[in-house]
Amino acid sequence: MTREVRRDTRGRRRAAGQERGLRPLYPPLPSGWVSRALRVAMPLAGWRQFNELVERLRPEEPTKARAAGQALMALMDAMEARAGDQHWLDWEREKTLRLLQEAHKAA
C-alpha cells in the first residue's frame, strides 16, 4: 500500500484533511462573536483599572482576549444603565467638576 505524501505551496508535508496551517491555538469563538484587533490609548492608571477588571473576569473565560471582551461589554452595559437615569444637569455638573480638576492639575 503506497501512501501519497501531500505537500503545501511551501513544501511542507500535510496530513489528510490538513488543508491550511496547523490546529488553532485558541478554542473556537461562540456563535455570534467576532474577534477584532483594537488599538486603545489611555493613561497608565486607566490601564491598571482595566487590567484588574479583566483579571477578575479571567477565571470565567477560556482566554484573556475573551475576558477583555467581557470587561468591555460590562463597562458598556454599566454606562448604558447609568445613562438612562441621568439628568442633563447631572452631566453638566460632572463636566464642570472634570474641567475644574484638569485646571487644578495644570496649575
Protein backbone atom coordinates (compact mmCIF):
# COMPACT_ATOMS: atom_id res chain seq x y z
CA MET A 1 0.00 0.00 0.00
CA THR A 2 1.60 3.24 -1.15
CA ARG A 3 0.72 6.34 0.81
CA GLU A 4 0.86 9.59 -1.09
CA VAL A 5 2.65 12.42 0.77
CA ARG A 6 0.94 15.72 0.14
CA ARG A 7 2.84 18.99 0.32
CA ASP A 8 1.62 22.57 0.57
CA THR A 9 2.89 25.50 -1.54
CA ARG A 10 5.89 25.90 0.78
CA GLY A 11 6.81 22.26 0.52
CA ARG A 12 5.66 21.23 3.99
CA ARG A 13 4.12 17.79 4.43
CA ARG A 14 0.39 17.75 5.08
CA ALA A 15 -1.74 15.02 6.61
CA ALA A 16 -5.10 14.10 5.11
CA GLY A 17 -7.63 16.80 5.97
CA GLN A 18 -4.96 19.33 6.87
CA GLU A 19 -5.60 21.85 4.17
CA ARG A 20 -4.29 25.01 5.79
CA GLY A 21 -1.93 25.62 8.66
CA LEU A 22 -1.89 23.81 11.95
CA ARG A 23 -4.55 23.39 14.59
CA PRO A 24 -5.92 26.63 16.04
CA LEU A 25 -4.25 27.79 19.26
CA TYR A 26 -7.48 29.02 20.84
CA PRO A 27 -10.91 27.44 21.26
CA PRO A 28 -13.47 28.46 18.61
CA LEU A 29 -15.49 31.58 19.33
CA PRO A 30 -19.11 31.19 20.42
CA SER A 31 -21.79 31.81 17.84
CA GLY A 32 -22.26 35.50 17.12
CA TRP A 33 -18.83 36.51 18.46
CA VAL A 34 -16.27 38.31 16.28
CA SER A 35 -12.60 38.84 17.09
CA ARG A 36 -11.04 42.19 16.14
CA ALA A 37 -7.77 43.92 16.84
CA LEU A 38 -8.36 47.11 18.79
CA ARG A 39 -5.84 49.86 19.47
CA VAL A 40 -6.60 51.89 22.59
CA ALA A 41 -4.71 54.71 24.29
CA MET A 42 -5.37 55.81 27.88
CA PRO A 43 -3.43 56.88 30.96
CA LEU A 44 -1.49 54.24 32.90
CA ALA A 45 -3.97 54.43 35.79
CA GLY A 46 -6.79 53.59 33.37
CA TRP A 47 -4.87 50.56 32.07
CA ARG A 48 -4.31 49.36 35.65
CA GLN A 49 -8.05 49.61 36.30
CA PHE A 50 -8.92 47.84 33.06
CA ASN A 51 -6.37 45.06 33.67
CA GLU A 52 -7.78 44.50 37.18
CA LEU A 53 -11.27 44.16 35.71
CA VAL A 54 -10.00 41.71 33.08
CA GLU A 55 -8.23 39.63 35.75
CA ARG A 56 -11.44 39.47 37.80
CA LEU A 57 -13.30 38.09 34.77
CA ARG A 58 -10.43 35.83 33.63
CA PRO A 59 -11.46 32.68 35.59
CA GLU A 60 -14.83 32.70 33.80
CA GLU A 61 -13.36 32.87 30.28
CA PRO A 62 -11.07 30.46 28.38
CA THR A 63 -8.78 33.23 27.03
CA LYS A 64 -7.58 36.65 28.13
CA ALA A 65 -9.00 38.17 24.94
CA ARG A 66 -12.48 36.93 25.82
CA ALA A 67 -12.09 38.25 29.37
CA ALA A 68 -11.16 41.65 27.91
CA GLY A 69 -14.24 41.49 25.70
CA GLN A 70 -16.42 40.67 28.70
CA ALA A 71 -14.86 43.59 30.59
CA LEU A 72 -15.66 45.98 27.74
CA MET A 73 -19.21 44.67 27.50
CA ALA A 74 -19.67 45.07 31.27
CA LEU A 75 -18.44 48.67 31.04
CA MET A 76 -20.77 49.41 28.12
CA ASP A 77 -23.72 47.83 29.95
CA ALA A 78 -22.96 49.88 33.08
CA MET A 79 -22.70 53.07 31.03
CA GLU A 80 -25.99 52.34 29.27
CA ALA A 81 -27.76 51.61 32.55
CA ARG A 82 -26.36 54.78 34.10
CA ALA A 83 -27.27 56.95 31.11
CA GLY A 84 -30.94 56.11 31.40
CA ASP A 85 -31.40 57.63 34.84
CA GLN A 86 -29.07 60.62 34.50
CA HIS A 87 -30.46 64.12 34.17
CA TRP A 88 -28.74 66.57 31.83
CA LEU A 89 -27.89 68.82 34.80
CA ASP A 90 -26.02 65.92 36.41
CA TRP A 91 -24.00 65.57 33.24
CA GLU A 92 -23.26 69.34 33.24
CA ARG A 93 -22.15 69.16 36.88
CA GLU A 94 -19.81 66.22 36.17
CA LYS A 95 -18.37 68.04 33.16
CA THR A 96 -17.71 71.16 35.23
CA LEU A 97 -16.06 69.14 38.00
CA ARG A 98 -13.90 67.34 35.45
CA LEU A 99 -12.80 70.64 33.89
CA LEU A 100 -12.02 72.13 37.29
CA GLN A 101 -9.93 69.09 38.24
CA GLU A 102 -7.99 69.30 34.98
CA ALA A 103 -7.40 73.04 35.51
CA HIS A 104 -6.23 72.36 39.06
CA LYS A 105 -3.75 69.70 37.85
CA ALA A 106 -2.42 72.05 35.16
CA ALA A 107 -1.85 74.88 37.67
